[in-house]
Amino acid sequence: MKLTEAQTSGSGLSQLLGELRPELLRFLTARLGDVGEAEDLLQELWIRVSRGVAAGPVSNGRAYLYRAAQNLALDRVRERRRRAARDGEWADGQRAALPGPEPADARANAEAVLLAREEAGALAAAIAALPEAAGRAFRMHKLEGMPHAEVARALGITRSGVEKHMAVAMAHLRRTLVD
């Protein structure tokens, strides 16, 4: 179909833009990924067409409108990239200006402190409730850090005896702390 000069002038392009609006909206949305931005660009295209930005008569109004829409979309994508690069450089500069990462509060929260206190109290009570001989062997080995051989010499028992006392103590503590 051959368009007349009246159809391809500013008013003719505006009318053609109105007819092609749904197609152009899909076209721009596919390129930009955002309907809102596509609507903005269609509005900008309408402003340009209504002002008669075309340099003269346009032989193919449809091709002209699609090319103009494509150019607007490309400009918008380039603008996004420049903005992202600029913002990234700014953020990197801000991070570089800081002396280091912001230190996190190393203190435990109140709930963790209370739970740790309860567990420590339960463990202390369980150790206090150990049978006498097993309790002495446990305290010497686990709390004072003495090897089994030294505990055996200090208590005057065999190393095997220390291991048996430790087994009794550990079993007692497991039962007590699980309950």
N, C-alpha and C. Protein backbone atom coordinates (compact mmCIF):
# COMPACT_ATOMS: atom_id res chain seq x y z
N MET A 1 0.84 -1.17 0.00
CA MET A 1 0.00 0.00 0.00
C MET A 1 0.88 1.23 0.00
N LYS A 2 0.69 2.12 -0.89
CA LYS A 2 1.47 3.34 -1.04
C LYS A 2 0.80 4.44 -0.22
N LEU A 3 1.60 5.06 0.70
CA LEU A 3 1.04 6.11 1.53
C LEU A 3 1.23 7.45 0.83
N THR A 4 0.26 8.31 0.97
CA THR A 4 0.37 9.65 0.38
C THR A 4 1.17 10.54 1.31
N GLU A 5 1.58 11.70 0.81
CA GLU A 5 2.38 12.61 1.62
C GLU A 5 1.60 13.08 2.84
N ALA A 6 0.30 13.21 2.75
CA ALA A 6 -0.52 13.64 3.87
C ALA A 6 -0.50 12.59 4.98
N GLN A 7 -0.44 11.31 4.59
CA GLN A 7 -0.42 10.25 5.59
C GLN A 7 0.93 10.16 6.27
N THR A 8 1.99 10.60 5.59
CA THR A 8 3.31 10.49 6.18
C THR A 8 3.83 11.79 6.74
N SER A 9 3.03 12.82 6.74
CA SER A 9 3.42 14.06 7.38
C SER A 9 3.22 13.89 8.88
N GLY A 10 3.47 14.93 9.66
CA GLY A 10 3.33 14.86 11.11
C GLY A 10 1.98 14.34 11.55
N SER A 11 0.88 14.88 10.98
CA SER A 11 -0.45 14.44 11.39
C SER A 11 -0.72 13.02 10.91
N GLY A 12 -0.22 12.67 9.70
CA GLY A 12 -0.41 11.32 9.19
C GLY A 12 0.35 10.30 10.02
N LEU A 13 1.57 10.66 10.46
CA LEU A 13 2.35 9.75 11.31
C LEU A 13 1.70 9.60 12.67
N SER A 14 1.11 10.69 13.18
CA SER A 14 0.42 10.60 14.47
C SER A 14 -0.75 9.64 14.38
N GLN A 15 -1.49 9.72 13.27
CA GLN A 15 -2.63 8.83 13.08
C GLN A 15 -2.14 7.38 12.94
N LEU A 16 -1.06 7.17 12.16
CA LEU A 16 -0.49 5.83 12.00
C LEU A 16 0.05 5.29 13.32
N LEU A 17 0.65 6.17 14.11
CA LEU A 17 1.15 5.77 15.43
C LEU A 17 -0.01 5.29 16.30
N GLY A 18 -1.13 6.00 16.23
CA GLY A 18 -2.31 5.57 16.99
C GLY A 18 -2.78 4.19 16.57
N GLU A 19 -2.72 3.91 15.28
CA GLU A 19 -3.15 2.60 14.78
C GLU A 19 -2.16 1.50 15.16
N LEU A 20 -0.88 1.83 15.14
CA LEU A 20 0.17 0.83 15.42
C LEU A 20 0.55 0.74 16.90
N ARG A 21 -0.10 1.53 17.72
CA ARG A 21 0.28 1.60 19.14
C ARG A 21 0.37 0.23 19.82
N PRO A 22 -0.63 -0.65 19.71
CA PRO A 22 -0.50 -1.96 20.38
C PRO A 22 0.71 -2.77 19.89
N GLU A 23 0.96 -2.73 18.58
CA GLU A 23 2.12 -3.44 18.02
C GLU A 23 3.42 -2.86 18.54
N LEU A 24 3.51 -1.53 18.52
CA LEU A 24 4.73 -0.86 18.97
C LEU A 24 4.96 -1.07 20.47
N LEU A 25 3.87 -1.12 21.23
CA LEU A 25 4.00 -1.39 22.67
C LEU A 25 4.60 -2.78 22.90
N ARG A 26 4.10 -3.79 22.18
CA ARG A 26 4.68 -5.14 22.30
C ARG A 26 6.14 -5.15 21.86
N PHE A 27 6.43 -4.45 20.79
CA PHE A 27 7.78 -4.36 20.24
C PHE A 27 8.74 -3.77 21.29
N LEU A 28 8.34 -2.66 21.90
CA LEU A 28 9.21 -2.02 22.89
C LEU A 28 9.29 -2.82 24.19
N THR A 29 8.19 -3.42 24.58
CA THR A 29 8.20 -4.23 25.81
C THR A 29 9.16 -5.41 25.66
N ALA A 30 9.17 -6.02 24.48
CA ALA A 30 10.08 -7.14 24.24
C ALA A 30 11.53 -6.70 24.33
N ARG A 31 11.82 -5.49 23.91
CA ARG A 31 13.21 -5.01 23.93
C ARG A 31 13.63 -4.49 25.30
N LEU A 32 12.71 -3.92 26.04
CA LEU A 32 13.05 -3.31 27.32
C LEU A 32 12.73 -4.19 28.52
N GLY A 33 11.80 -5.12 28.34
CA GLY A 33 11.43 -5.99 29.46
C GLY A 33 10.56 -5.31 30.50
N ASP A 34 10.01 -4.15 30.18
CA ASP A 34 9.21 -3.41 31.16
C ASP A 34 8.12 -2.64 30.42
N VAL A 35 6.87 -2.93 30.74
CA VAL A 35 5.75 -2.28 30.07
C VAL A 35 5.73 -0.79 30.37
N GLY A 36 6.06 -0.42 31.60
CA GLY A 36 6.06 0.99 31.98
C GLY A 36 7.04 1.80 31.15
N GLU A 37 8.24 1.26 30.98
CA GLU A 37 9.23 1.96 30.15
C GLU A 37 8.80 2.01 28.70
N ALA A 38 8.18 0.93 28.23
CA ALA A 38 7.70 0.91 26.84
C ALA A 38 6.63 1.99 26.65
N GLU A 39 5.74 2.14 27.63
CA GLU A 39 4.72 3.20 27.56
C GLU A 39 5.38 4.57 27.52
N ASP A 40 6.40 4.77 28.35
CA ASP A 40 7.12 6.05 28.36
C ASP A 40 7.72 6.35 26.99
N LEU A 41 8.33 5.36 26.37
CA LEU A 41 8.96 5.58 25.07
C LEU A 41 7.92 5.83 23.98
N LEU A 42 6.77 5.16 24.06
CA LEU A 42 5.70 5.45 23.10
C LEU A 42 5.23 6.89 23.24
N GLN A 43 5.13 7.36 24.46
CA GLN A 43 4.74 8.75 24.69
C GLN A 43 5.77 9.70 24.10
N GLU A 44 7.05 9.39 24.31
CA GLU A 44 8.12 10.22 23.75
C GLU A 44 8.08 10.19 22.22
N LEU A 45 7.80 9.02 21.66
CA LEU A 45 7.70 8.90 20.20
C LEU A 45 6.52 9.73 19.69
N TRP A 46 5.41 9.69 20.38
CA TRP A 46 4.24 10.48 19.97
C TRP A 46 4.56 11.97 19.99
N ILE A 47 5.28 12.42 21.04
CA ILE A 47 5.66 13.84 21.13
C ILE A 47 6.53 14.22 19.93
N ARG A 48 7.50 13.39 19.62
CA ARG A 48 8.39 13.70 18.50
C ARG A 48 7.62 13.73 17.18
N VAL A 49 6.73 12.77 16.99
CA VAL A 49 5.96 12.71 15.74
C VAL A 49 5.02 13.90 15.64
N SER A 50 4.36 14.25 16.74
CA SER A 50 3.40 15.36 16.71
C SER A 50 4.09 16.70 16.49
N ARG A 51 5.35 16.82 16.85
CA ARG A 51 6.12 18.05 16.60
C ARG A 51 6.66 18.09 15.17
N GLY A 52 6.53 16.99 14.46
CA GLY A 52 7.00 16.95 13.08
C GLY A 52 8.51 16.88 13.00
N VAL A 53 9.14 16.03 13.80
CA VAL A 53 10.59 15.90 13.85
C VAL A 53 11.16 15.33 12.55
N ALA A 54 10.36 14.62 11.80
CA ALA A 54 10.85 14.04 10.53
C ALA A 54 11.37 15.15 9.62
N ALA A 55 12.48 14.90 8.94
CA ALA A 55 13.14 15.91 8.11
C ALA A 55 12.34 16.26 6.88
N GLY A 56 11.43 15.45 6.50
CA GLY A 56 10.64 15.70 5.31
C GLY A 56 9.60 14.62 5.18
N PRO A 57 9.02 14.48 3.99
CA PRO A 57 8.02 13.42 3.82
C PRO A 57 8.67 12.05 4.00
N VAL A 58 7.90 11.15 4.61
CA VAL A 58 8.37 9.79 4.89
C VAL A 58 7.65 8.86 3.93
N SER A 59 8.42 8.05 3.19
CA SER A 59 7.78 7.17 2.21
C SER A 59 7.14 5.95 2.86
N ASN A 60 7.69 5.46 3.97
CA ASN A 60 7.12 4.28 4.63
C ASN A 60 6.97 4.63 6.11
N GLY A 61 5.76 5.06 6.47
CA GLY A 61 5.49 5.51 7.83
C GLY A 61 5.68 4.41 8.87
N ARG A 62 5.24 3.22 8.54
CA ARG A 62 5.36 2.08 9.46
C ARG A 62 6.83 1.80 9.78
N ALA A 63 7.67 1.71 8.75
CA ALA A 63 9.10 1.46 8.95
C ALA A 63 9.73 2.61 9.73
N TYR A 64 9.32 3.83 9.44
CA TYR A 64 9.85 5.00 10.14
C TYR A 64 9.54 4.91 11.63
N LEU A 65 8.29 4.58 11.98
CA LEU A 65 7.89 4.50 13.38
C LEU A 65 8.61 3.37 14.11
N TYR A 66 8.75 2.23 13.45
CA TYR A 66 9.46 1.12 14.08
C TYR A 66 10.93 1.48 14.29
N ARG A 67 11.55 2.13 13.30
CA ARG A 67 12.96 2.51 13.45
C ARG A 67 13.12 3.54 14.56
N ALA A 68 12.22 4.51 14.63
CA ALA A 68 12.28 5.52 15.69
C ALA A 68 12.11 4.87 17.06
N ALA A 69 11.17 3.91 17.17
CA ALA A 69 10.95 3.20 18.43
C ALA A 69 12.19 2.41 18.80
N GLN A 70 12.79 1.74 17.82
CA GLN A 70 14.01 0.96 18.06
C GLN A 70 15.13 1.88 18.57
N ASN A 71 15.29 3.04 17.96
CA ASN A 71 16.34 3.97 18.38
C ASN A 71 16.11 4.47 19.81
N LEU A 72 14.84 4.76 20.14
CA LEU A 72 14.54 5.18 21.50
C LEU A 72 14.84 4.07 22.51
N ALA A 73 14.52 2.83 22.14
CA ALA A 73 14.80 1.69 23.03
C ALA A 73 16.31 1.53 23.21
N LEU A 74 17.07 1.65 22.14
CA LEU A 74 18.53 1.53 22.25
C LEU A 74 19.09 2.63 23.15
N ASP A 75 18.59 3.85 22.99
CA ASP A 75 19.05 4.94 23.84
C ASP A 75 18.75 4.64 25.31
N ARG A 76 17.58 4.09 25.58
CA ARG A 76 17.19 3.78 26.96
C ARG A 76 18.09 2.69 27.54
N VAL A 77 18.40 1.66 26.76
CA VAL A 77 19.26 0.56 27.23
C VAL A 77 20.67 1.09 27.50
N ARG A 78 21.18 1.94 26.61
CA ARG A 78 22.51 2.53 26.82
C ARG A 78 22.53 3.39 28.08
N GLU A 79 21.45 4.13 28.28
CA GLU A 79 21.35 4.97 29.48
C GLU A 79 21.38 4.10 30.74
N ARG A 80 20.66 2.98 30.73
CA ARG A 80 20.66 2.04 31.86
C ARG A 80 22.07 1.54 32.16
N ARG A 81 22.77 1.14 31.09
CA ARG A 81 24.14 0.61 31.27
C ARG A 81 25.07 1.68 31.84
N ARG A 82 24.98 2.88 31.32
CA ARG A 82 25.83 3.96 31.83
C ARG A 82 25.52 4.24 33.30
N ARG A 83 24.24 4.25 33.63
CA ARG A 83 23.83 4.49 35.02
C ARG A 83 24.34 3.39 35.93
N ALA A 84 24.21 2.13 35.49
CA ALA A 84 24.67 1.01 36.31
C ALA A 84 26.18 1.07 36.51
N ALA A 85 26.92 1.40 35.45
CA ALA A 85 28.38 1.52 35.57
C ALA A 85 28.75 2.66 36.50
N ARG A 86 28.08 3.79 36.37
CA ARG A 86 28.36 4.95 37.21
C ARG A 86 28.04 4.63 38.67
N ASP A 87 26.89 4.00 38.91
CA ASP A 87 26.52 3.65 40.28
C ASP A 87 27.48 2.63 40.87
N GLY A 88 27.91 1.68 40.04
CA GLY A 88 28.88 0.68 40.51
C GLY A 88 30.21 1.30 40.89
N GLU A 89 30.67 2.24 40.06
CA GLU A 89 31.93 2.93 40.37
C GLU A 89 31.80 3.74 41.65
N TRP A 90 30.65 4.40 41.82
CA TRP A 90 30.44 5.18 43.03
C TRP A 90 30.43 4.27 44.26
N ALA A 91 29.73 3.14 44.18
CA ALA A 91 29.67 2.21 45.32
C ALA A 91 31.05 1.65 45.63
N ASP A 92 31.83 1.33 44.60
CA ASP A 92 33.19 0.83 44.83
C ASP A 92 34.02 1.90 45.52
N GLY A 93 33.87 3.14 45.11
CA GLY A 93 34.60 4.24 45.73
C GLY A 93 34.20 4.43 47.18
N GLN A 94 32.93 4.26 47.47
CA GLN A 94 32.46 4.39 48.85
C GLN A 94 33.04 3.28 49.72
N ARG A 95 33.08 2.06 49.18
CA ARG A 95 33.65 0.94 49.94
C ARG A 95 35.15 1.14 50.15
N ALA A 96 35.83 1.67 49.15
CA ALA A 96 37.27 1.89 49.25
C ALA A 96 37.58 2.98 50.27
N ALA A 97 36.69 3.93 50.44
CA ALA A 97 36.91 5.02 51.38
C ALA A 97 36.78 4.57 52.83
N LEU A 98 36.07 3.48 53.06
CA LEU A 98 35.90 2.98 54.41
C LEU A 98 37.17 2.28 54.86
N PRO A 99 37.53 2.35 56.14
CA PRO A 99 38.75 1.71 56.62
C PRO A 99 38.69 0.18 56.55
N GLY A 100 37.56 -0.38 56.53
CA GLY A 100 37.39 -1.82 56.46
C GLY A 100 35.93 -2.15 56.59
N PRO A 101 35.62 -3.41 56.55
CA PRO A 101 34.20 -3.74 56.71
C PRO A 101 33.73 -3.35 58.10
N GLU A 102 32.48 -2.98 58.17
CA GLU A 102 31.92 -2.58 59.45
C GLU A 102 31.96 -3.79 60.39
N PRO A 103 32.58 -3.63 61.55
CA PRO A 103 32.69 -4.78 62.45
C PRO A 103 31.31 -5.16 63.00
N ALA A 104 31.08 -6.43 63.03
CA ALA A 104 29.83 -6.93 63.59
C ALA A 104 29.98 -6.98 65.11
N ASP A 105 28.88 -6.89 65.79
CA ASP A 105 28.91 -6.97 67.24
C ASP A 105 29.25 -8.40 67.62
N ALA A 106 30.42 -8.59 68.21
CA ALA A 106 30.91 -9.93 68.54
C ALA A 106 30.21 -10.51 69.77
N ARG A 107 29.53 -9.67 70.50
CA ARG A 107 28.85 -10.16 71.70
C ARG A 107 27.64 -11.01 71.31
N ALA A 108 27.41 -12.04 72.09
CA ALA A 108 26.26 -12.91 71.85
C ALA A 108 24.99 -12.16 72.25
N ASN A 109 23.89 -12.55 71.66
CA ASN A 109 22.63 -11.89 72.03
C ASN A 109 22.18 -12.40 73.40
N ALA A 110 21.23 -11.73 73.98
CA ALA A 110 20.80 -12.04 75.34
C ALA A 110 20.28 -13.47 75.48
N GLU A 111 19.56 -13.94 74.49
CA GLU A 111 19.02 -15.30 74.55
C GLU A 111 20.15 -16.33 74.58
N ALA A 112 21.17 -16.13 73.74
CA ALA A 112 22.29 -17.06 73.71
C ALA A 112 23.04 -17.05 75.04
N VAL A 113 23.18 -15.87 75.65
CA VAL A 113 23.85 -15.77 76.94
C VAL A 113 23.07 -16.54 78.00
N LEU A 114 21.75 -16.36 78.02
CA LEU A 114 20.93 -17.07 79.01
C LEU A 114 21.00 -18.58 78.81
N LEU A 115 20.92 -19.03 77.56
CA LEU A 115 21.01 -20.46 77.30
C LEU A 115 22.36 -21.02 77.72
N ALA A 116 23.43 -20.29 77.43
CA ALA A 116 24.76 -20.75 77.82
C ALA A 116 24.88 -20.84 79.34
N ARG A 117 24.32 -19.86 80.05
CA ARG A 117 24.35 -19.89 81.53
C ARG A 117 23.58 -21.10 82.06
N GLU A 118 22.41 -21.37 81.47
CA GLU A 118 21.62 -22.52 81.91
C GLU A 118 22.35 -23.82 81.66
N GLU A 119 22.98 -23.94 80.48
CA GLU A 119 23.73 -25.15 80.16
C GLU A 119 24.93 -25.32 81.09
N ALA A 120 25.62 -24.24 81.38
CA ALA A 120 26.77 -24.30 82.28
C ALA A 120 26.32 -24.70 83.69
N GLY A 121 25.21 -24.15 84.12
CA GLY A 121 24.68 -24.51 85.44
C GLY A 121 24.28 -25.98 85.50
N ALA A 122 23.64 -26.47 84.42
CA ALA A 122 23.23 -27.87 84.39
C ALA A 122 24.45 -28.79 84.38
N LEU A 123 25.49 -28.40 83.65
CA LEU A 123 26.72 -29.20 83.60
C LEU A 123 27.41 -29.21 84.96
N ALA A 124 27.49 -28.06 85.61
CA ALA A 124 28.11 -27.99 86.93
C ALA A 124 27.35 -28.86 87.93
N ALA A 125 26.03 -28.83 87.87
CA ALA A 125 25.22 -29.65 88.78
C ALA A 125 25.42 -31.14 88.48
N ALA A 126 25.52 -31.48 87.18
CA ALA A 126 25.74 -32.89 86.81
C ALA A 126 27.10 -33.37 87.27
N ILE A 127 28.12 -32.52 87.17
CA ILE A 127 29.47 -32.91 87.63
C ILE A 127 29.48 -33.07 89.14
N ALA A 128 28.78 -32.18 89.83
CA ALA A 128 28.72 -32.27 91.30
C ALA A 128 28.01 -33.54 91.75
N ALA A 129 27.11 -34.04 90.92
CA ALA A 129 26.34 -35.23 91.29
C ALA A 129 27.03 -36.54 90.91
N LEU A 130 28.23 -36.47 90.32
CA LEU A 130 28.96 -37.69 89.94
C LEU A 130 29.32 -38.49 91.19
N PRO A 131 29.40 -39.81 91.04
CA PRO A 131 29.91 -40.61 92.16
C PRO A 131 31.32 -40.10 92.55
N GLU A 132 31.69 -40.24 93.82
CA GLU A 132 32.91 -39.60 94.33
C GLU A 132 34.16 -39.96 93.55
N ALA A 133 34.45 -41.22 93.35
CA ALA A 133 35.68 -41.64 92.67
C ALA A 133 35.66 -41.22 91.19
N ALA A 134 34.53 -41.39 90.53
CA ALA A 134 34.40 -41.01 89.13
C ALA A 134 34.51 -39.49 88.99
N GLY A 135 33.96 -38.75 89.94
CA GLY A 135 34.03 -37.30 89.93
C GLY A 135 35.45 -36.79 90.06
N ARG A 136 36.23 -37.41 91.00
CA ARG A 136 37.63 -37.01 91.16
C ARG A 136 38.42 -37.27 89.88
N ALA A 137 38.25 -38.45 89.29
CA ALA A 137 38.98 -38.79 88.06
C ALA A 137 38.57 -37.85 86.92
N PHE A 138 37.29 -37.57 86.81
CA PHE A 138 36.80 -36.68 85.75
C PHE A 138 37.39 -35.27 85.90
N ARG A 139 37.33 -34.71 87.13
CA ARG A 139 37.84 -33.36 87.35
C ARG A 139 39.34 -33.27 87.06
N MET A 140 40.09 -34.27 87.48
CA MET A 140 41.54 -34.24 87.25
C MET A 140 41.87 -34.33 85.75
N HIS A 141 41.16 -35.21 85.06
CA HIS A 141 41.47 -35.39 83.63
C HIS A 141 40.88 -34.27 82.76
N LYS A 142 39.60 -34.00 82.89
CA LYS A 142 38.94 -33.04 81.99
C LYS A 142 39.14 -31.59 82.39
N LEU A 143 39.09 -31.29 83.68
CA LEU A 143 39.17 -29.89 84.10
C LEU A 143 40.60 -29.43 84.36
N GLU A 144 41.42 -30.31 84.90
CA GLU A 144 42.81 -29.93 85.17
C GLU A 144 43.75 -30.33 84.04
N GLY A 145 43.28 -31.16 83.11
CA GLY A 145 44.06 -31.52 81.93
C GLY A 145 45.14 -32.58 82.17
N MET A 146 45.01 -33.35 83.20
CA MET A 146 46.02 -34.39 83.49
C MET A 146 45.78 -35.61 82.61
N PRO A 147 46.84 -36.24 82.09
CA PRO A 147 46.67 -37.48 81.33
C PRO A 147 46.24 -38.62 82.26
N HIS A 148 45.69 -39.67 81.68
CA HIS A 148 45.20 -40.81 82.47
C HIS A 148 46.28 -41.38 83.36
N ALA A 149 47.52 -41.46 82.88
CA ALA A 149 48.61 -42.05 83.68
C ALA A 149 48.86 -41.23 84.95
N GLU A 150 48.84 -39.90 84.84
CA GLU A 150 49.06 -39.05 86.02
C GLU A 150 47.89 -39.14 86.98
N VAL A 151 46.68 -39.22 86.47
CA VAL A 151 45.49 -39.36 87.32
C VAL A 151 45.59 -40.67 88.08
N ALA A 152 46.02 -41.73 87.38
CA ALA A 152 46.16 -43.04 88.03
C ALA A 152 47.16 -42.96 89.17
N ARG A 153 48.33 -42.31 88.94
CA ARG A 153 49.34 -42.19 90.01
C ARG A 153 48.78 -41.37 91.18
N ALA A 154 48.09 -40.24 90.88
CA ALA A 154 47.58 -39.38 91.95
C ALA A 154 46.51 -40.08 92.79
N LEU A 155 45.71 -40.90 92.15
CA LEU A 155 44.63 -41.59 92.87
C LEU A 155 45.07 -42.94 93.42
N GLY A 156 46.24 -43.41 92.97
CA GLY A 156 46.74 -44.70 93.43
C GLY A 156 45.97 -45.86 92.84
N ILE A 157 45.53 -45.71 91.61
CA ILE A 157 44.82 -46.79 90.91
C ILE A 157 45.50 -47.04 89.58
N THR A 158 45.06 -48.08 88.89
CA THR A 158 45.63 -48.39 87.58
C THR A 158 45.04 -47.45 86.52
N ARG A 159 45.73 -47.43 85.40
CA ARG A 159 45.24 -46.62 84.27
C ARG A 159 43.89 -47.15 83.80
N SER A 160 43.72 -48.44 83.81
CA SER A 160 42.45 -49.06 83.44
C SER A 160 41.34 -48.60 84.39
N GLY A 161 41.69 -48.44 85.68
CA GLY A 161 40.72 -47.97 86.66
C GLY A 161 40.27 -46.55 86.35
N VAL A 162 41.24 -45.71 85.91
CA VAL A 162 40.90 -44.33 85.54
C VAL A 162 39.95 -44.34 84.34
N GLU A 163 40.24 -45.20 83.35
CA GLU A 163 39.38 -45.28 82.17
C GLU A 163 37.98 -45.72 82.54
N LYS A 164 37.87 -46.65 83.49
CA LYS A 164 36.54 -47.10 83.93
C LYS A 164 35.80 -45.98 84.66
N HIS A 165 36.51 -45.22 85.53
CA HIS A 165 35.88 -44.08 86.21
C HIS A 165 35.41 -43.03 85.20
N MET A 166 36.23 -42.80 84.17
CA MET A 166 35.86 -41.83 83.14
C MET A 166 34.62 -42.30 82.37
N ALA A 167 34.56 -43.60 82.07
CA ALA A 167 33.39 -44.14 81.36
C ALA A 167 32.13 -43.97 82.21
N VAL A 168 32.24 -44.23 83.51
CA VAL A 168 31.10 -44.07 84.41
C VAL A 168 30.68 -42.59 84.45
N ALA A 169 31.67 -41.70 84.56
CA ALA A 169 31.37 -40.27 84.65
C ALA A 169 30.70 -39.78 83.36
N MET A 170 31.23 -40.17 82.21
CA MET A 170 30.66 -39.71 80.93
C MET A 170 29.24 -40.24 80.74
N ALA A 171 29.00 -41.50 81.09
CA ALA A 171 27.65 -42.07 80.96
C ALA A 171 26.68 -41.31 81.87
N HIS A 172 27.12 -41.04 83.10
CA HIS A 172 26.28 -40.30 84.05
C HIS A 172 25.95 -38.90 83.52
N LEU A 173 26.97 -38.21 82.99
CA LEU A 173 26.75 -36.86 82.46
C LEU A 173 25.81 -36.87 81.24
N ARG A 174 25.99 -37.84 80.37
CA ARG A 174 25.09 -37.93 79.20
C ARG A 174 23.64 -38.11 79.64
N ARG A 175 23.43 -39.06 80.56
CA ARG A 175 22.06 -39.30 81.04
C ARG A 175 21.47 -38.06 81.70
N THR A 176 22.27 -37.43 82.53
CA THR A 176 21.79 -36.26 83.28
C THR A 176 21.49 -35.09 82.35
N LEU A 177 22.38 -34.83 81.39
CA LEU A 177 22.20 -33.67 80.51
C LEU A 177 21.13 -33.89 79.46
N VAL A 178 20.91 -35.12 79.03
CA VAL A 178 19.84 -35.40 78.07
C VAL A 178 18.49 -35.20 78.73
N ASP A 179 18.38 -35.60 79.99
CA ASP A 179 17.12 -35.42 80.71
C ASP A 179 16.91 -33.96 80.99
